[in-house]
Amino acid sequence: MSGDGSNNLAVGIYEKILDEELKELLDANSDLKPVLRKIDDELAPHMYAQFVGKLLVQALHITKKELRVTLINRFYYRKYFGGLVWT
């Protein structure tokens, strides 16, 4: 994927969680034929951690420097003290 916000996908093989962004790119490139598979139960924690890690990096890049520790503390607090909803 180009990562520049365009609707083009670079030619290649991807091992990526099908999130809203990827779904939109695939929908915009109807000539592509994705092959989707279920994430192996053993690999799922690692795949999800990578996905959440990338989201966190993006959030930290757009967060003011002085608020980054606050963001991490909020995430930690919600995860470990019941603020996040797990279904």
N, C-alpha and C. Protein backbone atom coordinates (compact mmCIF):
# COMPACT_ATOMS: atom_id res chain seq x y z
N MET A 1 0.84 -1.17 0.00
CA MET A 1 0.00 0.00 0.00
C MET A 1 0.88 1.22 0.00
N SER A 2 0.43 2.25 -0.59
CA SER A 2 1.28 3.42 -0.76
C SER A 2 1.46 4.22 0.52
N GLY A 3 0.44 4.24 1.40
CA GLY A 3 0.57 4.97 2.65
C GLY A 3 0.45 6.47 2.50
N ASP A 4 0.21 6.96 1.26
CA ASP A 4 0.12 8.40 1.03
C ASP A 4 -1.32 8.88 0.92
N GLY A 5 -2.28 8.00 1.24
CA GLY A 5 -3.67 8.40 1.19
C GLY A 5 -4.30 8.23 -0.18
N SER A 6 -3.55 7.76 -1.16
CA SER A 6 -4.11 7.56 -2.49
C SER A 6 -4.90 6.28 -2.52
N ASN A 7 -5.64 6.07 -3.61
CA ASN A 7 -6.46 4.88 -3.77
C ASN A 7 -5.73 3.78 -4.51
N ASN A 8 -4.41 3.81 -4.55
CA ASN A 8 -3.66 2.81 -5.28
C ASN A 8 -2.97 1.85 -4.32
N LEU A 9 -2.99 0.58 -4.72
CA LEU A 9 -2.26 -0.43 -3.98
C LEU A 9 -1.06 -0.84 -4.81
N ALA A 10 0.08 -0.92 -4.18
CA ALA A 10 1.27 -1.40 -4.88
C ALA A 10 1.09 -2.89 -5.14
N VAL A 11 1.64 -3.36 -6.24
CA VAL A 11 1.56 -4.77 -6.58
C VAL A 11 2.31 -5.57 -5.54
N GLY A 12 1.72 -6.65 -5.07
CA GLY A 12 2.42 -7.48 -4.09
C GLY A 12 1.48 -8.35 -3.30
N ILE A 13 2.05 -9.06 -2.37
CA ILE A 13 1.30 -9.92 -1.47
C ILE A 13 1.31 -9.25 -0.10
N TYR A 14 0.15 -9.22 0.52
CA TYR A 14 0.01 -8.57 1.82
C TYR A 14 -0.51 -9.57 2.84
N GLU A 15 0.04 -9.51 4.02
CA GLU A 15 -0.52 -10.22 5.15
C GLU A 15 -0.92 -9.13 6.12
N LYS A 16 -2.21 -8.79 6.08
CA LYS A 16 -2.69 -7.62 6.80
C LYS A 16 -4.10 -7.88 7.28
N ILE A 17 -4.42 -7.35 8.43
CA ILE A 17 -5.78 -7.44 8.94
C ILE A 17 -6.68 -6.59 8.05
N LEU A 18 -7.84 -7.14 7.72
CA LEU A 18 -8.79 -6.42 6.88
C LEU A 18 -9.50 -5.39 7.75
N ASP A 19 -8.97 -4.16 7.75
CA ASP A 19 -9.58 -3.08 8.51
C ASP A 19 -10.38 -2.20 7.55
N GLU A 20 -10.97 -1.15 8.05
CA GLU A 20 -11.79 -0.28 7.21
C GLU A 20 -10.98 0.36 6.08
N GLU A 21 -9.74 0.77 6.37
CA GLU A 21 -8.90 1.41 5.36
C GLU A 21 -8.61 0.45 4.21
N LEU A 22 -8.22 -0.78 4.54
CA LEU A 22 -7.93 -1.76 3.49
C LEU A 22 -9.18 -2.11 2.71
N LYS A 23 -10.31 -2.25 3.40
CA LYS A 23 -11.57 -2.55 2.71
C LYS A 23 -11.91 -1.46 1.70
N GLU A 24 -11.74 -0.20 2.10
CA GLU A 24 -12.00 0.91 1.18
C GLU A 24 -11.07 0.87 -0.02
N LEU A 25 -9.78 0.56 0.20
CA LEU A 25 -8.84 0.46 -0.91
C LEU A 25 -9.21 -0.68 -1.85
N LEU A 26 -9.60 -1.81 -1.30
CA LEU A 26 -10.01 -2.93 -2.14
C LEU A 26 -11.28 -2.60 -2.91
N ASP A 27 -12.22 -1.94 -2.26
CA ASP A 27 -13.46 -1.54 -2.94
C ASP A 27 -13.18 -0.56 -4.07
N ALA A 28 -12.19 0.32 -3.88
CA ALA A 28 -11.83 1.31 -4.89
C ALA A 28 -11.03 0.70 -6.04
N ASN A 29 -10.50 -0.48 -5.85
CA ASN A 29 -9.70 -1.17 -6.88
C ASN A 29 -10.37 -2.49 -7.20
N SER A 30 -11.54 -2.42 -7.83
CA SER A 30 -12.36 -3.61 -8.07
C SER A 30 -11.69 -4.63 -8.99
N ASP A 31 -10.63 -4.22 -9.70
CA ASP A 31 -9.92 -5.17 -10.55
C ASP A 31 -9.06 -6.14 -9.74
N LEU A 32 -8.83 -5.83 -8.46
CA LEU A 32 -8.06 -6.72 -7.59
C LEU A 32 -8.96 -7.80 -7.02
N LYS A 33 -8.40 -8.96 -6.88
CA LYS A 33 -9.15 -10.09 -6.33
C LYS A 33 -8.45 -10.56 -5.05
N PRO A 34 -8.88 -10.05 -3.90
CA PRO A 34 -8.21 -10.43 -2.65
C PRO A 34 -8.50 -11.88 -2.28
N VAL A 35 -7.53 -12.51 -1.68
CA VAL A 35 -7.70 -13.85 -1.11
C VAL A 35 -7.62 -13.66 0.40
N LEU A 36 -8.74 -13.88 1.06
CA LEU A 36 -8.81 -13.65 2.49
C LEU A 36 -8.86 -14.98 3.21
N ARG A 37 -8.21 -15.02 4.37
CA ARG A 37 -8.25 -16.23 5.19
C ARG A 37 -8.35 -15.83 6.65
N LYS A 38 -8.88 -16.76 7.43
CA LYS A 38 -9.00 -16.54 8.86
C LYS A 38 -7.61 -16.56 9.49
N ILE A 39 -7.41 -15.71 10.49
CA ILE A 39 -6.14 -15.69 11.20
C ILE A 39 -6.05 -16.93 12.08
N ASP A 40 -4.94 -17.63 11.97
CA ASP A 40 -4.69 -18.81 12.79
C ASP A 40 -4.75 -18.41 14.26
N ASP A 41 -5.42 -19.23 15.08
CA ASP A 41 -5.58 -18.92 16.51
C ASP A 41 -4.24 -18.68 17.21
N GLU A 42 -3.23 -19.41 16.82
CA GLU A 42 -1.93 -19.27 17.45
C GLU A 42 -1.25 -17.95 17.07
N LEU A 43 -1.51 -17.46 15.85
CA LEU A 43 -0.91 -16.21 15.39
C LEU A 43 -1.73 -14.98 15.74
N ALA A 44 -2.98 -15.16 16.11
CA ALA A 44 -3.89 -14.04 16.33
C ALA A 44 -3.35 -13.00 17.32
N PRO A 45 -2.87 -13.39 18.50
CA PRO A 45 -2.37 -12.37 19.43
C PRO A 45 -1.27 -11.50 18.81
N HIS A 46 -0.35 -12.13 18.09
CA HIS A 46 0.75 -11.39 17.46
C HIS A 46 0.21 -10.45 16.37
N MET A 47 -0.69 -10.94 15.54
CA MET A 47 -1.25 -10.12 14.45
C MET A 47 -2.01 -8.92 15.02
N TYR A 48 -2.84 -9.17 16.03
CA TYR A 48 -3.61 -8.08 16.62
C TYR A 48 -2.71 -7.07 17.32
N ALA A 49 -1.66 -7.56 17.98
CA ALA A 49 -0.72 -6.67 18.66
C ALA A 49 0.00 -5.77 17.64
N GLN A 50 0.39 -6.34 16.51
CA GLN A 50 1.01 -5.53 15.45
C GLN A 50 0.05 -4.46 14.97
N PHE A 51 -1.21 -4.84 14.76
CA PHE A 51 -2.22 -3.91 14.28
C PHE A 51 -2.43 -2.76 15.27
N VAL A 52 -2.61 -3.10 16.55
CA VAL A 52 -2.81 -2.08 17.59
C VAL A 52 -1.56 -1.22 17.73
N GLY A 53 -0.38 -1.84 17.62
CA GLY A 53 0.87 -1.10 17.70
C GLY A 53 0.97 -0.05 16.60
N LYS A 54 0.59 -0.40 15.38
CA LYS A 54 0.62 0.56 14.28
C LYS A 54 -0.36 1.71 14.52
N LEU A 55 -1.54 1.39 15.05
CA LEU A 55 -2.51 2.44 15.36
C LEU A 55 -1.96 3.37 16.44
N LEU A 56 -1.30 2.79 17.44
CA LEU A 56 -0.74 3.59 18.51
C LEU A 56 0.38 4.50 18.01
N VAL A 57 1.23 3.99 17.11
CA VAL A 57 2.29 4.81 16.52
C VAL A 57 1.67 5.98 15.76
N GLN A 58 0.63 5.71 14.98
CA GLN A 58 -0.04 6.80 14.24
C GLN A 58 -0.60 7.84 15.20
N ALA A 59 -1.24 7.37 16.28
CA ALA A 59 -1.81 8.29 17.26
C ALA A 59 -0.73 9.13 17.93
N LEU A 60 0.40 8.51 18.25
CA LEU A 60 1.48 9.23 18.90
C LEU A 60 2.11 10.27 17.97
N HIS A 61 2.16 9.97 16.68
CA HIS A 61 2.71 10.93 15.73
C HIS A 61 1.86 12.20 15.63
N ILE A 62 0.56 12.06 15.77
CA ILE A 62 -0.31 13.23 15.63
C ILE A 62 -0.63 13.89 16.97
N THR A 63 -0.12 13.30 18.05
CA THR A 63 -0.34 13.85 19.39
C THR A 63 0.80 14.80 19.73
N LYS A 64 0.46 15.91 20.34
CA LYS A 64 1.50 16.85 20.78
C LYS A 64 2.47 16.14 21.72
N LYS A 65 3.73 16.49 21.58
CA LYS A 65 4.80 15.84 22.35
C LYS A 65 4.49 15.78 23.84
N GLU A 66 4.00 16.87 24.39
CA GLU A 66 3.75 16.93 25.83
C GLU A 66 2.53 16.11 26.27
N LEU A 67 1.73 15.61 25.32
CA LEU A 67 0.55 14.81 25.66
C LEU A 67 0.73 13.32 25.40
N ARG A 68 1.88 12.92 24.88
CA ARG A 68 2.09 11.51 24.52
C ARG A 68 2.05 10.58 25.73
N VAL A 69 2.70 10.97 26.81
CA VAL A 69 2.69 10.12 28.01
C VAL A 69 1.27 10.00 28.55
N THR A 70 0.51 11.06 28.48
CA THR A 70 -0.89 11.03 28.92
C THR A 70 -1.68 10.04 28.08
N LEU A 71 -1.46 10.04 26.77
CA LEU A 71 -2.14 9.11 25.88
C LEU A 71 -1.83 7.66 26.26
N ILE A 72 -0.55 7.37 26.47
CA ILE A 72 -0.14 6.01 26.86
C ILE A 72 -0.75 5.64 28.21
N ASN A 73 -0.73 6.56 29.16
CA ASN A 73 -1.31 6.27 30.47
C ASN A 73 -2.81 6.01 30.37
N ARG A 74 -3.51 6.74 29.53
CA ARG A 74 -4.94 6.50 29.35
C ARG A 74 -5.20 5.12 28.76
N PHE A 75 -4.42 4.75 27.77
CA PHE A 75 -4.56 3.43 27.17
C PHE A 75 -4.31 2.35 28.22
N TYR A 76 -3.23 2.49 28.97
CA TYR A 76 -2.87 1.52 30.00
C TYR A 76 -3.95 1.44 31.06
N TYR A 77 -4.41 2.57 31.53
CA TYR A 77 -5.42 2.60 32.59
C TYR A 77 -6.70 1.92 32.12
N ARG A 78 -7.15 2.23 30.92
CA ARG A 78 -8.39 1.64 30.42
C ARG A 78 -8.26 0.15 30.21
N LYS A 79 -7.13 -0.28 29.72
CA LYS A 79 -6.92 -1.71 29.46
C LYS A 79 -6.93 -2.50 30.77
N TYR A 80 -6.19 -2.01 31.76
CA TYR A 80 -6.00 -2.79 32.97
C TYR A 80 -6.98 -2.50 34.11
N PHE A 81 -7.73 -1.42 33.98
CA PHE A 81 -8.65 -1.08 35.06
C PHE A 81 -10.08 -0.93 34.59
N GLY A 82 -10.43 -1.66 33.54
CA GLY A 82 -11.83 -1.79 33.16
C GLY A 82 -12.40 -0.70 32.28
N GLY A 83 -11.59 0.22 31.77
CA GLY A 83 -12.14 1.28 30.94
C GLY A 83 -12.45 0.84 29.52
N LEU A 84 -11.75 -0.19 29.03
CA LEU A 84 -12.01 -0.69 27.69
C LEU A 84 -13.09 -1.75 27.77
N VAL A 85 -13.93 -1.79 26.76
CA VAL A 85 -15.01 -2.78 26.72
C VAL A 85 -14.53 -3.96 25.91
N TRP A 86 -14.44 -5.12 26.52
CA TRP A 86 -14.02 -6.36 25.85
C TRP A 86 -15.25 -7.20 25.61
N THR A 87 -15.52 -7.53 24.35
CA THR A 87 -16.70 -8.36 24.05
C THR A 87 -16.29 -9.67 23.48
